[in-house]
């Protein structure tokens, strides 16, 4: 254990996700000695590249995509020569709405409510994006659907979108997450915005950033206490105590209640601790009978969004999303077979893999979703620097919150604010 009066680094960074690593990399490149403390035995946070069991197919157990409007992600991937995978257009789209599988349209032809209601949803999405103030933006998805008296097929279409955008219980998360993803293109679902991914995987990017000279990575170092005094920040972990002139806290919002801060952060910051409603389920399925690049969504059975990602001989690797529901186990083959059959009645499940991000102590959830009734709670302005502490995570980024782009935005901002405090370059 370090002497409490000894400065171990110029800056301590808590968390080795992309936000923490971007902050650490930027600080190290300005001559600071940075110690990164990570609770896991790996870097990357909610980005975790693995392989599907028994194959050489690379999969993302955590986040997957970035968009053409996210320049920082593209720049980092190019910087480290990781390469970009471009997703080809969807070959077919199918929907499970109002209790039926549909191949031509998500809406029953005899329900005249659907098209006008869907147009209203699109109009609302555009109004929200334009900054129109409307109390409905603070509703949960379920509350919003009730407010517009949504027909069953419209509601089910929204539930499908919600699985890949809101990501959590539709009775708890704010509808702004799904409205923000809907465009005037309508319910065709061509995955136009989910177009790119790092060819080498998000873990490769995290590992490259962690290898920056001047970044001293400590794994299996879960932080329990963060204490400030007039001279420095002291951070306590089971493997030791560390002290530096400043620190950046770069962990998910839902894990912040597990850290004791002394003194406590302002109420505008601390009241957001643990408040992300982002609790999605993501499963990879090796299947037979699912067309490559087919997209299916609606109100399924445990999984409400599926995409035929890649081929392996005569099998298709499918990624599916949903949220926790009673009676569905995302790690149970029988439950997954039923989920698959809702969209592909003739398909066969061969194998599967998932990771429980909700039960994972180092995440306690998936990408951010603001709680219904309080869409302002997780805004970036609530996490301004506090004394010698900065905060960084995609959960409250200035833009692209919930994406890896948001993590990079937030990490870069935290490094900039830390440098502005005036921590001199390390003499070490």
Protein backbone atom coordinates (compact mmCIF):
# COMPACT_ATOMS: atom_id res chain seq x y z
CA UNK A 1 0.00 0.00 0.00
CA UNK A 2 1.29 3.43 -0.96
CA UNK A 3 2.11 6.03 1.67
CA UNK A 4 -0.94 8.32 1.90
CA UNK A 5 1.31 11.37 1.56
CA UNK A 6 3.09 10.08 -1.55
CA UNK A 7 1.87 11.13 -4.99
CA UNK A 8 1.72 7.98 -7.12
CA UNK A 9 0.76 9.72 -10.37
CA UNK A 10 -0.28 13.03 -11.84
CA UNK A 11 -3.81 11.80 -12.52
CA UNK A 12 -5.79 8.75 -11.44
CA UNK A 13 -8.40 7.47 -13.88
CA UNK A 14 -11.07 5.19 -12.48
CA UNK A 15 -12.38 2.88 -15.19
CA UNK A 16 -10.79 1.49 -18.36
CA UNK A 17 -13.72 1.80 -20.71
CA UNK A 18 -13.30 3.99 -23.77
CA UNK A 19 -14.15 7.14 -21.80
CA UNK A 20 -11.47 6.48 -19.17
CA UNK A 21 -8.92 5.34 -21.75
CA UNK A 22 -9.50 8.39 -23.94
CA UNK A 23 -8.97 10.64 -20.92
CA UNK A 24 -5.87 8.69 -19.87
CA UNK A 25 -4.40 8.65 -23.39
CA UNK A 26 -4.92 12.37 -23.91
CA UNK A 27 -3.38 13.21 -20.52
CA UNK A 28 -0.40 10.92 -21.08
CA UNK A 29 0.25 12.51 -24.45
CA UNK A 30 0.52 15.85 -22.63
CA UNK A 31 3.27 14.46 -20.44
CA UNK A 32 1.20 13.37 -17.44
CA UNK A 33 1.81 10.10 -15.64
CA UNK A 34 -1.59 8.41 -15.40
CA UNK A 35 -2.63 5.37 -13.38
CA UNK A 36 -5.81 3.70 -14.63
CA UNK A 37 -7.68 1.60 -12.06
CA UNK A 38 -10.04 -0.97 -13.58
CA UNK A 39 -12.36 -3.31 -11.66
CA UNK A 40 -12.39 -5.94 -14.40
CA UNK A 41 -9.60 -8.20 -15.60
CA UNK A 42 -9.74 -6.55 -19.03
CA UNK A 43 -10.08 -3.13 -20.64
CA UNK A 44 -12.97 -1.89 -22.74
CA UNK A 45 -15.81 -1.54 -20.26
CA UNK A 46 -19.11 -2.22 -22.01
CA UNK A 47 -17.18 -2.90 -25.20
CA UNK A 48 -16.09 -6.53 -25.23
CA UNK A 49 -15.02 -8.39 -28.35
CA UNK A 50 -15.03 -12.18 -28.14
CA UNK A 51 -15.57 -15.16 -30.44
CA UNK A 52 -18.67 -17.27 -30.76
CA UNK A 53 -18.06 -20.59 -28.96
CA UNK A 54 -16.60 -23.29 -31.18
CA UNK A 55 -16.02 -20.92 -34.11
CA UNK A 56 -13.61 -18.21 -35.23
CA UNK A 57 -16.43 -15.69 -35.68
CA UNK A 58 -15.76 -12.44 -33.87
CA UNK A 59 -18.69 -11.05 -31.88
CA UNK A 60 -19.33 -8.02 -29.73
CA UNK A 61 -20.82 -9.06 -26.42
CA UNK A 62 -21.27 -5.39 -25.58
CA UNK A 63 -21.85 -2.45 -27.91
CA UNK A 64 -21.47 -3.04 -31.64
CA UNK A 65 -21.90 -0.12 -34.02
CA UNK A 66 -20.97 3.43 -34.80
CA UNK A 67 -22.58 5.71 -37.38
CA UNK A 68 -21.41 7.92 -40.21
CA UNK A 69 -22.12 10.94 -38.00
CA UNK A 70 -19.68 9.89 -35.27
CA UNK A 71 -16.27 11.26 -36.26
CA UNK A 72 -14.33 10.47 -33.08
CA UNK A 73 -15.02 6.74 -33.28
CA UNK A 74 -13.99 6.71 -36.93
CA UNK A 75 -10.82 8.69 -36.19
CA UNK A 76 -9.72 6.41 -33.34
CA UNK A 77 -10.29 3.29 -35.42
CA UNK A 78 -8.27 4.78 -38.27
CA UNK A 79 -5.53 5.97 -35.90
CA UNK A 80 -4.82 2.46 -34.66
CA UNK A 81 -5.32 0.72 -38.00
CA UNK A 82 -8.16 -1.47 -36.75
CA UNK A 83 -10.21 -1.26 -39.94
CA UNK A 84 -13.92 -0.75 -40.51
CA UNK A 85 -16.62 -3.27 -41.26
CA UNK A 86 -19.44 -1.82 -43.38
CA UNK A 87 -22.81 -3.52 -43.07
CA UNK A 88 -24.49 -4.21 -46.39
CA UNK A 89 -28.17 -3.29 -46.98
CA UNK A 90 -30.84 -5.44 -45.38
CA UNK A 91 -32.10 -8.18 -47.72
CA UNK A 92 -35.55 -8.51 -46.17
CA UNK A 93 -37.54 -7.15 -43.23
CA UNK A 94 -40.24 -8.92 -41.26
CA UNK A 95 -42.34 -7.82 -38.32
CA UNK A 96 -44.23 -9.50 -35.50
CA UNK A 97 -47.06 -7.12 -34.67
CA UNK A 98 -50.54 -7.51 -33.21
CA UNK A 99 -49.85 -11.20 -32.64
CA UNK A 100 -48.91 -12.08 -36.23
CA UNK A 101 -45.78 -12.43 -38.32
CA UNK A 102 -45.93 -10.03 -41.25
CA UNK A 103 -43.71 -9.95 -44.35
CA UNK A 104 -45.12 -7.10 -46.43
CA UNK A 105 -46.01 -4.43 -43.89
CA UNK A 106 -45.87 -4.13 -40.11
CA UNK A 107 -49.51 -3.06 -40.04
CA UNK A 108 -52.73 -5.04 -40.61
CA UNK A 109 -54.29 -3.83 -43.87
CA UNK A 110 -57.71 -3.47 -42.24
CA UNK A 111 -56.56 -1.28 -39.31
CA UNK A 112 -56.90 2.29 -40.53
CA UNK A 113 -55.42 3.71 -37.33
CA UNK A 114 -51.90 2.48 -37.95
CA UNK A 115 -50.51 4.66 -40.73
CA UNK A 116 -51.77 7.98 -39.26
CA UNK A 117 -50.47 6.99 -35.83
CA UNK A 118 -47.10 6.03 -37.22
CA UNK A 119 -46.96 9.37 -39.02
CA UNK A 120 -47.69 11.05 -35.69
CA UNK A 121 -44.78 9.16 -34.11
CA UNK A 122 -42.47 10.38 -36.88
CA UNK A 123 -43.78 13.93 -36.54
CA UNK A 124 -43.18 13.78 -32.79
CA UNK A 125 -39.64 12.52 -33.34
CA UNK A 126 -38.90 15.44 -35.65
CA UNK A 127 -40.47 17.93 -33.26
CA UNK A 128 -38.38 16.63 -30.36
CA UNK A 129 -35.22 16.85 -32.48
CA UNK A 130 -36.15 20.45 -33.37
CA UNK A 131 -36.33 21.36 -29.70
CA UNK A 132 -40.11 21.62 -29.38
CA UNK A 133 -41.08 21.46 -25.70
CA UNK A 134 -43.68 18.77 -25.02
CA UNK A 135 -44.33 16.96 -21.73
CA UNK A 136 -44.75 13.69 -23.64
CA UNK A 137 -40.98 13.51 -24.20
CA UNK A 138 -40.60 12.79 -20.48
CA UNK A 139 -43.03 9.86 -20.53
CA UNK A 140 -42.01 6.23 -20.53
CA UNK A 141 -42.50 4.39 -23.79
CA UNK A 142 -45.59 2.72 -22.33
CA UNK A 143 -46.87 6.11 -21.17
CA UNK A 144 -46.30 7.63 -24.60
CA UNK A 145 -48.10 4.77 -26.36
CA UNK A 146 -51.04 5.26 -24.02
CA UNK A 147 -51.00 9.01 -24.67
CA UNK A 148 -51.35 8.52 -28.43
CA UNK A 149 -53.80 5.62 -27.95
CA UNK A 150 -51.53 3.45 -30.08
CA UNK A 151 -53.03 0.59 -32.04
CA UNK A 152 -51.53 -2.80 -31.08
CA UNK A 153 -49.45 -3.04 -34.26
CA UNK A 154 -48.04 0.48 -33.81
CA UNK A 155 -47.19 -0.29 -30.18
CA UNK A 156 -45.47 -3.53 -31.16
CA UNK A 157 -43.48 -1.79 -33.87
CA UNK A 158 -42.30 0.72 -31.27
CA UNK A 159 -41.38 -2.10 -28.88
CA UNK A 160 -39.14 -3.54 -31.59
CA UNK A 161 -37.41 -0.19 -32.11
CA UNK A 162 -37.15 0.24 -28.35
CA UNK A 163 -35.11 -2.95 -27.93
CA UNK A 164 -32.25 -1.53 -29.97
CA UNK A 165 -32.58 2.11 -28.89
CA UNK A 166 -34.12 2.50 -25.42
CA UNK A 167 -32.86 -0.82 -24.14
CA UNK A 168 -34.72 -1.54 -20.92
CA UNK A 169 -38.16 -1.85 -19.39
CA UNK A 170 -40.52 0.28 -21.55
CA UNK A 171 -42.45 1.19 -18.41
CA UNK A 172 -39.35 2.74 -16.81
CA UNK A 173 -37.22 4.36 -19.51
CA UNK A 174 -37.89 7.71 -21.16
CA UNK A 175 -39.40 7.60 -24.66
CA UNK A 176 -36.91 10.21 -25.91
CA UNK A 177 -34.41 7.40 -26.57
CA UNK A 178 -36.56 5.71 -29.19
CA UNK A 179 -37.98 8.93 -30.67
CA UNK A 180 -34.44 10.13 -31.21
CA UNK A 181 -33.73 7.14 -33.44
CA UNK A 182 -36.82 7.31 -35.63
CA UNK A 183 -36.52 9.16 -38.94
CA UNK A 184 -38.83 10.06 -41.76
CA UNK A 185 -37.83 6.88 -43.59
CA UNK A 186 -40.74 5.07 -41.94
CA UNK A 187 -40.93 1.59 -40.41
CA UNK A 188 -39.01 -0.24 -43.14
CA UNK A 189 -36.04 -0.83 -40.85
CA UNK A 190 -33.07 -0.90 -43.22
CA UNK A 191 -30.42 -0.43 -40.50
CA UNK A 192 -29.11 2.62 -42.35
CA UNK A 193 -27.79 4.20 -39.15
CA UNK A 194 -26.28 0.97 -37.79
CA UNK A 195 -23.84 0.80 -40.65
CA UNK A 196 -20.29 0.54 -39.29
CA UNK A 197 -18.28 -1.42 -36.74
CA UNK A 198 -14.54 -1.74 -36.03
CA UNK A 199 -13.25 -4.68 -38.03
CA UNK A 200 -10.77 -5.57 -35.31
CA UNK A 201 -13.35 -5.10 -32.56
CA UNK A 202 -13.88 -2.54 -29.81
CA UNK A 203 -11.61 -4.49 -27.49
CA UNK A 204 -8.75 -4.00 -29.95
CA UNK A 205 -9.30 -0.26 -29.82
CA UNK A 206 -9.36 -0.28 -26.02
CA UNK A 207 -6.16 -2.32 -25.84
CA UNK A 208 -4.40 0.03 -28.25
CA UNK A 209 -5.38 3.08 -26.21
CA UNK A 210 -4.31 1.40 -22.96
CA UNK A 211 -0.85 0.76 -24.44
CA UNK A 212 -0.11 4.50 -24.67
CA UNK A 213 3.26 5.33 -23.01
CA UNK A 214 2.62 7.05 -19.69
CA UNK A 215 -0.60 5.08 -19.03
CA UNK A 216 -0.08 2.68 -16.13
CA UNK A 217 -2.94 0.16 -16.13
CA UNK A 218 -3.96 -1.69 -12.96
CA UNK A 219 -6.57 -4.42 -13.52
CA UNK A 220 -8.69 -6.10 -10.84
CA UNK A 221 -8.59 -2.83 -8.89
CA UNK A 222 -12.17 -2.03 -7.93
CA UNK A 223 -12.40 1.41 -6.36
CA UNK A 224 -14.29 1.66 -3.08
CA UNK A 225 -13.44 5.19 -1.85
CA UNK A 226 -12.56 8.50 -3.46
CA UNK A 227 -11.46 11.23 -1.02
CA UNK A 228 -10.37 14.79 -1.74
CA UNK A 229 -8.38 17.13 0.45
CA UNK A 230 -6.61 20.44 -0.21
CA UNK A 231 -3.61 18.74 -1.81
CA UNK A 232 -4.72 15.63 -3.67
CA UNK A 233 -7.23 12.87 -4.34
CA UNK A 234 -6.88 9.56 -2.51
CA UNK A 235 -8.42 6.49 -4.13
CA UNK A 236 -8.84 3.24 -2.24
CA UNK A 237 -8.95 -0.24 -3.82
CA UNK A 238 -8.54 -3.72 -2.30
CA UNK A 239 -5.09 -3.91 -3.89
CA UNK A 240 -3.85 -0.61 -2.53
CA UNK A 241 -4.36 3.11 -2.02
CA UNK A 242 -3.33 5.66 -4.65
CA UNK A 243 -2.84 9.40 -4.44
CA UNK A 244 -2.59 12.07 -7.14
CA UNK A 245 -3.31 15.78 -7.61
CA UNK A 246 -6.48 14.98 -9.59
CA UNK A 247 -8.67 12.11 -10.75
CA UNK A 248 -11.20 11.25 -13.44
CA UNK A 249 -14.11 8.98 -12.48
CA UNK A 250 -15.01 7.09 -15.66
CA UNK A 251 -17.42 4.33 -14.68
CA UNK A 252 -21.04 3.68 -15.56
CA UNK A 253 -23.66 5.75 -13.75
CA UNK A 254 -25.24 2.66 -12.19
CA UNK A 255 -22.01 1.67 -10.43
CA UNK A 256 -21.37 5.09 -8.87
CA UNK A 257 -23.42 4.33 -5.71
CA UNK A 258 -20.84 1.65 -4.87
CA UNK A 259 -18.11 4.27 -4.47
CA UNK A 260 -17.94 6.34 -1.29
CA UNK A 261 -17.07 9.96 -2.09
CA UNK A 262 -15.67 12.29 0.56
CA UNK A 263 -16.78 15.01 0.40
CA UNK A 264 -20.00 14.04 -1.36
CA UNK A 265 -20.52 15.49 -4.85
CA UNK A 266 -23.20 18.14 -5.38
CA UNK A 267 -26.81 16.97 -5.29
CA UNK A 268 -27.21 17.63 -9.02
CA UNK A 269 -24.53 15.01 -9.58
CA UNK A 270 -25.21 12.47 -6.84
CA UNK A 271 -28.95 12.27 -7.45
CA UNK A 272 -28.15 10.78 -10.86
CA UNK A 273 -26.06 7.95 -9.38
CA UNK A 274 -27.59 4.58 -10.21
CA UNK A 275 -30.43 6.10 -12.22
CA UNK A 276 -29.89 4.79 -15.76
CA UNK A 277 -32.83 2.65 -16.90
CA UNK A 278 -30.64 1.05 -19.58
CA UNK A 279 -31.06 -2.67 -18.94
CA UNK A 280 -31.13 -4.50 -22.25
CA UNK A 281 -30.63 -8.14 -23.18
CA UNK A 282 -28.31 -9.04 -26.07
CA UNK A 283 -27.91 -12.59 -27.36
CA UNK A 284 -25.93 -14.14 -30.20
CA UNK A 285 -27.62 -17.13 -31.87
CA UNK A 286 -26.11 -19.59 -34.33
CA UNK A 287 -29.04 -20.70 -36.46
CA UNK A 288 -30.19 -22.50 -39.56
CA UNK A 289 -33.01 -21.09 -41.63
CA UNK A 290 -32.41 -17.37 -41.05
CA UNK A 291 -31.55 -15.44 -44.24
CA UNK A 292 -28.34 -13.45 -44.18
CA UNK A 293 -28.87 -9.73 -43.52
CA UNK A 294 -32.55 -10.19 -42.72
CA UNK A 295 -34.00 -7.88 -40.09
CA UNK A 296 -36.93 -8.76 -37.84
CA UNK A 297 -38.54 -6.74 -35.10
CA UNK A 298 -41.77 -6.13 -33.22
CA UNK A 299 -43.22 -7.60 -30.03
CA UNK A 300 -41.49 -10.98 -30.01
CA UNK A 301 -40.99 -13.57 -27.30
CA UNK A 302 -38.27 -12.24 -25.03
CA UNK A 303 -36.29 -10.90 -28.00
CA UNK A 304 -37.87 -8.14 -30.06
CA UNK A 305 -35.17 -7.33 -32.64
CA UNK A 306 -33.04 -9.76 -34.67
CA UNK A 307 -30.51 -9.39 -37.47
CA UNK A 308 -28.86 -12.09 -39.60
CA UNK A 309 -25.28 -10.92 -39.23
CA UNK A 310 -22.93 -13.45 -40.90
CA UNK A 311 -22.74 -16.92 -42.42
CA UNK A 312 -20.80 -19.91 -41.14
CA UNK A 313 -21.10 -22.68 -43.71
CA UNK A 314 -24.86 -23.42 -43.76
CA UNK A 315 -25.59 -21.51 -40.56
CA UNK A 316 -26.38 -17.85 -39.86
CA UNK A 317 -25.09 -15.95 -36.87
CA UNK A 318 -27.95 -13.81 -35.54
CA UNK A 319 -27.84 -11.02 -32.97
CA UNK A 320 -30.97 -10.40 -30.94
CA UNK A 321 -32.07 -7.72 -28.46
CA UNK A 322 -34.79 -7.49 -25.84
CA UNK A 323 -35.25 -6.56 -22.20
CA UNK A 324 -35.71 -8.71 -19.08
CA UNK A 325 -39.18 -10.24 -18.91
CA UNK A 326 -40.64 -12.84 -16.58
CA UNK A 327 -40.52 -16.36 -17.99
CA UNK A 328 -37.69 -15.69 -20.48
CA UNK A 329 -34.11 -16.71 -19.75
CA UNK A 330 -31.67 -15.34 -22.38
CA UNK A 331 -29.30 -18.20 -21.59
CA UNK A 332 -31.90 -20.99 -21.98
CA UNK A 333 -31.96 -22.82 -25.32
CA UNK A 334 -35.68 -23.61 -25.19
CA UNK A 335 -36.60 -19.99 -24.49
CA UNK A 336 -34.31 -18.80 -27.26
CA UNK A 337 -35.81 -21.28 -29.72
CA UNK A 338 -39.27 -19.84 -28.99
CA UNK A 339 -37.90 -16.33 -29.43
CA UNK A 340 -36.39 -17.30 -32.77
CA UNK A 341 -39.59 -18.98 -33.98
CA UNK A 342 -41.65 -15.84 -33.43
CA UNK A 343 -39.83 -14.24 -36.35
CA UNK A 344 -38.49 -17.31 -38.21
CA UNK A 345 -40.93 -20.23 -37.69
CA UNK A 346 -38.79 -22.71 -39.60
CA UNK A 347 -35.43 -21.73 -38.11
CA UNK A 348 -33.33 -23.97 -35.88
CA UNK A 349 -31.18 -22.83 -32.96
CA UNK A 350 -27.75 -24.49 -32.93
CA UNK A 351 -25.90 -22.62 -30.17
CA UNK A 352 -25.98 -19.31 -28.31
CA UNK A 353 -24.01 -16.97 -26.06
CA UNK A 354 -24.88 -13.92 -23.97
CA UNK A 355 -23.42 -11.81 -21.20
CA UNK A 356 -25.46 -10.56 -18.25
CA UNK A 357 -24.54 -6.86 -18.21
CA UNK A 358 -27.31 -6.12 -15.75
CA UNK A 359 -25.88 -8.53 -13.19
CA UNK A 360 -22.28 -7.59 -14.01
CA UNK A 361 -20.96 -5.74 -10.92
CA UNK A 362 -18.80 -3.49 -13.08
CA UNK A 363 -21.70 -2.25 -15.24
CA UNK A 364 -25.09 -2.96 -13.59
CA UNK A 365 -26.79 -2.17 -16.88
CA UNK A 366 -26.29 -1.56 -20.58
CA UNK A 367 -26.27 1.67 -22.60
CA UNK A 368 -27.88 4.66 -20.94
CA UNK A 369 -31.61 5.26 -20.91
CA UNK A 370 -32.87 8.21 -18.87
CA UNK A 371 -35.60 7.40 -16.34
CA UNK A 372 -39.13 8.35 -17.30
CA UNK A 373 -40.30 11.57 -15.69
CA UNK A 374 -36.81 13.06 -15.41
CA UNK A 375 -35.10 13.35 -18.80
CA UNK A 376 -32.76 16.06 -17.47
CA UNK A 377 -31.27 13.86 -14.76
CA UNK A 378 -28.42 12.40 -16.82
CA UNK A 379 -27.40 15.50 -18.76
CA UNK A 380 -23.69 16.30 -19.06
CA UNK A 381 -24.05 19.60 -17.22
CA UNK A 382 -24.89 17.70 -14.03
CA UNK A 383 -21.43 16.11 -14.05
CA UNK A 384 -19.19 19.16 -14.16
CA UNK A 385 -15.78 18.87 -12.43
CA UNK A 386 -16.04 18.77 -8.67
CA UNK A 387 -12.95 19.99 -6.88
CA UNK A 388 -10.09 17.81 -8.07
CA UNK A 389 -12.47 15.29 -9.68
CA UNK A 390 -13.68 15.04 -13.24
CA UNK A 391 -16.34 12.66 -14.53
CA UNK A 392 -16.51 10.79 -17.84
CA UNK A 393 -18.74 8.13 -19.36
CA UNK A 394 -20.99 7.69 -22.37
CA UNK A 395 -23.94 7.74 -19.95
CA UNK A 396 -23.86 11.56 -19.76
CA UNK A 397 -21.85 12.67 -22.78
CA UNK A 398 -22.43 16.08 -24.36
CA UNK A 399 -23.52 14.25 -27.50
CA UNK A 400 -24.10 10.66 -28.62
CA UNK A 401 -24.78 9.51 -25.07
CA UNK A 402 -24.99 5.74 -24.88
CA UNK A 403 -22.70 5.22 -27.87
CA UNK A 404 -18.95 4.63 -27.90
CA UNK A 405 -18.76 8.00 -29.63
CA UNK A 406 -20.24 9.50 -26.48
CA UNK A 407 -17.60 7.76 -24.37
CA UNK A 408 -14.84 9.29 -26.49
CA UNK A 409 -16.49 12.73 -26.36
CA UNK A 410 -16.79 12.53 -22.58
CA UNK A 411 -13.26 11.23 -22.06
CA UNK A 412 -11.74 13.94 -24.21
CA UNK A 413 -13.69 16.61 -22.30
CA UNK A 414 -12.55 15.21 -18.95
CA UNK A 415 -8.91 15.26 -20.03
CA UNK A 416 -9.25 18.84 -21.24
CA UNK A 417 -10.83 20.02 -17.98
CA UNK A 418 -8.16 18.19 -15.96
CA UNK A 419 -5.39 19.89 -17.91
CA UNK A 420 -7.10 23.23 -17.39
CA UNK A 421 -6.72 22.80 -13.62
CA UNK A 422 -2.99 23.11 -14.20
CA UNK A 423 -1.49 19.76 -13.20
CA UNK A 424 2.14 20.10 -14.39
CA UNK A 425 3.84 17.48 -16.55
CA UNK A 426 5.29 14.63 -14.53
CA UNK A 427 8.99 14.74 -13.66
CA UNK A 428 8.95 10.91 -13.48
